[in-house]
Amino acid sequence: MNYYKHHIGDYDAATAHLSWAEAAAYSRLLRLYYRSEQPIPADLGQACRLVRAAGKAERQAVETVLREFFHLEADGWHQKRCDEE
């Protein structure tokens, strides 16, 4: 998928509490999900590598965002809106 709708009001309302690193992680995770049209890999190390989260704080941000906005299934981390799109 090369295009998806981004509703700024909805996004801001859902993510206003995130730190700068968490907001970046969420944005990268969403772009990966839409680009690949697949859930985020269940393996945290692989997920971090795919969104270029190299440092400890970045990896923690990815884990925090996955646990808050995604749900883990057998085939990886799913996000409801991404799946609907």
Protein backbone atom coordinates (compact mmCIF):
# COMPACT_ATOMS: atom_id res chain seq x y z
CA MET A 1 0.00 0.00 0.00
CA ASN A 2 1.48 3.32 -1.03
CA TYR A 3 -1.19 5.59 0.40
CA TYR A 4 -3.34 5.72 3.50
CA LYS A 5 -5.54 8.39 5.06
CA HIS A 6 -4.02 10.13 8.05
CA HIS A 7 -6.62 11.87 10.20
CA ILE A 8 -4.54 14.39 12.12
CA GLY A 9 -7.19 15.07 14.77
CA ASP A 10 -7.68 11.37 15.53
CA TYR A 11 -3.93 10.73 15.51
CA ASP A 12 -3.18 13.68 17.81
CA ALA A 13 -5.98 12.74 20.20
CA ALA A 14 -4.68 9.17 20.48
CA THR A 15 -0.97 10.04 20.70
CA ALA A 16 -0.71 13.38 22.53
CA HIS A 17 0.68 11.65 25.62
CA LEU A 18 3.57 9.97 23.78
CA SER A 19 7.16 11.06 24.17
CA TRP A 20 9.04 12.24 21.09
CA ALA A 21 10.70 8.82 20.73
CA GLU A 22 7.40 6.97 21.18
CA ALA A 23 5.70 9.19 18.58
CA ALA A 24 8.51 8.46 16.12
CA ALA A 25 8.28 4.74 16.86
CA TYR A 26 4.51 4.74 16.31
CA SER A 27 4.83 6.60 13.03
CA ARG A 28 7.50 4.20 11.76
CA LEU A 29 5.54 1.14 12.88
CA LEU A 30 2.43 2.36 11.08
CA ARG A 31 4.37 3.07 7.88
CA LEU A 32 5.98 -0.38 8.03
CA TYR A 33 2.58 -2.01 8.57
CA TYR A 34 0.99 -0.21 5.64
CA ARG A 35 3.98 -0.66 3.33
CA SER A 36 4.33 -4.39 3.97
CA GLU A 37 0.59 -5.02 4.39
CA GLN A 38 1.48 -7.42 7.18
CA PRO A 39 1.50 -7.35 10.98
CA ILE A 40 4.68 -6.22 12.72
CA PRO A 41 6.88 -9.24 13.50
CA ALA A 42 6.27 -10.69 16.97
CA ASP A 43 10.02 -10.76 17.68
CA LEU A 44 10.84 -7.40 19.29
CA GLY A 45 14.41 -7.41 17.99
CA GLN A 46 13.24 -7.91 14.42
CA ALA A 47 10.54 -5.25 14.79
CA CYS A 48 13.10 -2.78 16.12
CA ARG A 49 15.48 -3.50 13.27
CA LEU A 50 12.76 -2.97 10.66
CA VAL A 51 11.93 0.49 12.07
CA ARG A 52 15.61 1.35 12.68
CA ALA A 53 15.34 1.53 16.47
CA ALA A 54 18.97 1.01 17.45
CA GLY A 55 19.46 2.60 20.86
CA LYS A 56 18.07 1.43 24.17
CA ALA A 57 15.59 4.33 24.42
CA GLU A 58 14.40 3.76 20.86
CA ARG A 59 13.90 0.04 21.44
CA GLN A 60 11.99 0.78 24.64
CA ALA A 61 9.79 3.23 22.72
CA VAL A 62 8.97 0.55 20.14
CA GLU A 63 8.05 -1.93 22.87
CA THR A 64 5.90 0.65 24.69
CA VAL A 65 4.04 1.58 21.50
CA LEU A 66 3.50 -2.03 20.46
CA ARG A 67 2.00 -2.89 23.83
CA GLU A 68 -0.27 0.17 23.86
CA PHE A 69 -1.51 0.42 20.26
CA PHE A 70 -1.11 -3.10 18.85
CA HIS A 71 -2.20 -6.55 19.95
CA LEU A 72 -0.11 -9.68 19.60
CA GLU A 73 -1.50 -12.59 17.60
CA ALA A 74 0.16 -15.75 16.31
CA ASP A 75 1.41 -14.02 13.15
CA GLY A 76 2.65 -10.80 14.78
CA TRP A 77 1.54 -7.45 16.17
CA HIS A 78 -1.77 -6.26 14.71
CA GLN A 79 -3.25 -2.77 14.71
CA LYS A 80 -7.01 -2.57 14.24
CA ARG A 81 -7.14 0.38 11.84
CA CYS A 82 -4.28 -0.94 9.72
CA ASP A 83 -6.05 -4.26 9.38
CA GLU A 84 -9.28 -2.52 8.37
CA GLU A 85 -7.53 -0.44 5.71
